[in-house]
Amino acid sequence: MADLILWRPLQELKKEMDRIWQEFFGKSWLTEKFEGIEWVPAIDVSETDNEIIVKVDVPGVNPEDIEISLSDNVLVIKGEKKKEEEEKKENFYRMERYYGNFIRSIQLPCDVEEEKISATYKNGVLKVVLPKKPEEKKKVIKINIEK
């Protein structure tokens, strides 16, 4: 039986682009930034009047393997999808599921109330709710003009 070779076209394209970049400019900043990142989960970012909602597709990821942080209005979600270890050996004909580390960074469009951020995990979807900071009312000062 032939050996199974996992084909990841986007990683192959990235490797080729890095190789071309290195030929011209040296080590790629993309290589340094995303080293060790093996897959990128899909996200949805939506906004209501009162909050920003981020949904991340992370099926098969244990919520304990996910880390969420916020710094300078950038929400960072990173984690790892671990491969299930099985006793029996399987012969795959096709393998398309991704495993390994991931990271997503989302620039938020406004300030949020950091102490009120919440996250839930249900049916493979991580939902992060970020309440917006109320806008401060601008103080208008009337200035008298001397004659």
Protein backbone atom coordinates (compact mmCIF):
# COMPACT_ATOMS: atom_id res chain seq x y z
CA MET A 1 0.00 0.00 0.00
CA ALA A 2 1.27 3.48 -0.83
CA ASP A 3 2.23 5.86 1.95
CA LEU A 4 -0.17 8.69 2.69
CA ILE A 5 1.24 12.16 2.18
CA LEU A 6 -0.61 15.07 3.78
CA TRP A 7 -0.98 17.89 1.24
CA ARG A 8 -1.50 21.41 2.53
CA PRO A 9 -1.51 23.73 -0.47
CA LEU A 10 -1.44 27.00 1.49
CA GLN A 11 1.58 25.88 3.49
CA GLU A 12 3.32 24.85 0.27
CA LEU A 13 2.60 28.29 -1.22
CA LYS A 14 3.89 30.01 1.93
CA LYS A 15 7.09 27.94 1.85
CA GLU A 16 7.67 28.84 -1.79
CA MET A 17 7.01 32.54 -1.14
CA ASP A 18 9.41 32.45 1.84
CA ARG A 19 12.06 30.80 -0.32
CA ILE A 20 11.71 33.48 -3.01
CA TRP A 21 11.71 36.25 -0.37
CA GLN A 22 14.86 34.87 1.23
CA GLU A 23 16.64 34.81 -2.12
CA PHE A 24 16.06 38.54 -2.50
CA PHE A 25 15.88 39.99 1.02
CA GLY A 26 17.02 37.41 3.58
CA LYS A 27 14.80 35.82 6.24
CA SER A 28 11.10 36.59 5.86
CA TRP A 29 9.27 38.46 8.60
CA LEU A 30 6.32 36.14 7.87
CA THR A 31 8.43 33.13 8.75
CA GLU A 32 9.36 34.67 12.10
CA LYS A 33 5.85 35.87 12.91
CA PHE A 34 4.05 32.61 12.10
CA GLU A 35 6.70 30.05 12.97
CA GLY A 36 5.04 27.06 14.62
CA ILE A 37 1.56 28.03 13.41
CA GLU A 38 0.02 25.07 11.64
CA TRP A 39 -3.57 26.13 10.95
CA VAL A 40 -5.80 29.19 11.12
CA PRO A 41 -9.38 28.84 12.39
CA ALA A 42 -12.14 30.84 10.70
CA ILE A 43 -13.57 33.82 12.60
CA ASP A 44 -16.58 36.12 12.44
CA VAL A 45 -16.45 39.57 14.02
CA SER A 46 -19.73 41.43 14.44
CA GLU A 47 -20.77 44.59 16.21
CA THR A 48 -23.95 45.78 17.92
CA ASP A 49 -24.63 49.11 19.58
CA ASN A 50 -23.27 47.79 22.89
CA GLU A 51 -20.72 45.08 22.12
CA ILE A 52 -18.32 43.41 19.74
CA ILE A 53 -18.81 39.68 19.22
CA VAL A 54 -16.06 37.38 17.97
CA LYS A 55 -16.87 33.78 16.99
CA VAL A 56 -14.06 31.34 16.25
CA ASP A 57 -14.50 27.88 14.72
CA VAL A 58 -12.35 25.56 16.83
CA PRO A 59 -14.02 22.14 16.64
CA GLY A 60 -12.13 19.43 18.45
CA VAL A 61 -10.13 21.92 20.52
CA ASN A 62 -10.32 21.53 24.28
CA PRO A 63 -11.31 24.92 25.80
CA GLU A 64 -8.47 24.43 28.31
CA ASP A 65 -6.05 24.57 25.35
CA ILE A 66 -7.26 28.05 24.30
CA GLU A 67 -5.76 31.31 25.59
CA ILE A 68 -7.49 34.68 25.10
CA SER A 69 -5.77 38.00 25.80
CA LEU A 70 -6.32 41.69 25.07
CA SER A 71 -3.63 44.32 24.72
CA ASP A 72 -3.80 47.75 23.05
CA ASN A 73 -7.24 46.97 21.57
CA VAL A 74 -5.96 43.79 19.92
CA LEU A 75 -7.73 40.58 20.87
CA VAL A 76 -5.42 37.56 20.60
CA ILE A 77 -6.79 34.02 20.57
CA LYS A 78 -4.28 31.20 20.49
CA GLY A 79 -4.32 27.53 21.24
CA GLU A 80 -3.64 24.03 20.08
CA LYS A 81 -5.71 21.29 18.49
CA LYS A 82 -4.20 18.02 19.64
CA LYS A 83 -4.32 14.91 17.50
CA GLU A 84 -6.16 12.00 19.05
CA GLU A 85 -3.83 9.13 19.78
CA GLU A 86 -5.28 5.75 18.92
CA GLU A 87 -3.96 2.28 19.62
CA LYS A 88 -4.90 0.79 16.28
CA LYS A 89 -3.15 1.81 13.12
CA GLU A 90 -5.28 3.26 10.37
CA ASN A 91 -4.50 3.51 6.68
CA PHE A 92 -5.84 6.85 5.50
CA TYR A 93 -6.82 7.44 1.90
CA ARG A 94 -7.25 11.16 2.51
CA MET A 95 -6.41 13.37 5.47
CA GLU A 96 -7.62 16.97 5.54
CA ARG A 97 -8.17 17.77 9.22
CA TYR A 98 -5.66 20.14 10.77
CA TYR A 99 -3.88 19.73 14.07
CA GLY A 100 -1.34 21.83 15.92
CA ASN A 101 -0.98 25.43 17.08
CA PHE A 102 -3.06 28.37 15.92
CA ILE A 103 -3.22 32.10 16.62
CA ARG A 104 -5.63 34.84 15.56
CA SER A 105 -5.24 38.57 16.26
CA ILE A 106 -8.18 40.92 15.82
CA GLN A 107 -7.82 44.71 15.92
CA LEU A 108 -10.91 46.00 17.71
CA PRO A 109 -12.70 49.04 16.22
CA CYS A 110 -13.24 50.74 19.59
CA ASP A 111 -12.35 50.62 23.28
CA VAL A 112 -13.96 47.85 25.34
CA GLU A 113 -14.64 47.30 29.02
CA GLU A 114 -11.85 44.84 29.74
CA GLU A 115 -13.21 43.64 33.09
CA LYS A 116 -16.56 42.66 31.50
CA ILE A 117 -15.25 40.52 28.62
CA SER A 118 -16.73 37.02 28.59
CA ALA A 119 -16.12 33.87 26.56
CA THR A 120 -18.14 30.70 26.01
CA TYR A 121 -17.42 27.48 24.12
CA LYS A 122 -20.29 25.48 22.62
CA ASN A 123 -20.41 22.93 19.79
CA GLY A 124 -16.88 23.74 18.63
CA VAL A 125 -17.44 27.51 18.48
CA LEU A 126 -15.66 29.91 20.82
CA LYS A 127 -17.70 33.09 21.38
CA VAL A 128 -16.03 36.14 22.90
CA VAL A 129 -18.27 39.06 23.90
CA LEU A 130 -16.53 42.40 24.42
CA PRO A 131 -18.80 45.14 25.85
CA LYS A 132 -18.02 48.56 24.40
CA LYS A 133 -16.94 51.38 26.67
CA PRO A 134 -19.64 54.03 26.80
CA GLU A 135 -18.72 57.11 24.85
CA GLU A 136 -17.86 60.01 27.07
CA LYS A 137 -20.07 63.00 26.52
CA LYS A 138 -18.04 65.85 25.18
CA LYS A 139 -18.05 68.88 27.38
CA VAL A 140 -18.87 72.07 25.52
CA ILE A 141 -17.52 75.26 27.02
CA LYS A 142 -18.89 78.59 25.85
CA ILE A 143 -16.22 81.22 25.58
CA ASN A 144 -17.19 84.86 25.75
CA ILE A 145 -15.61 87.16 23.24
CA GLU A 146 -14.51 90.53 24.58
CA LYS A 147 -15.34 93.64 22.57
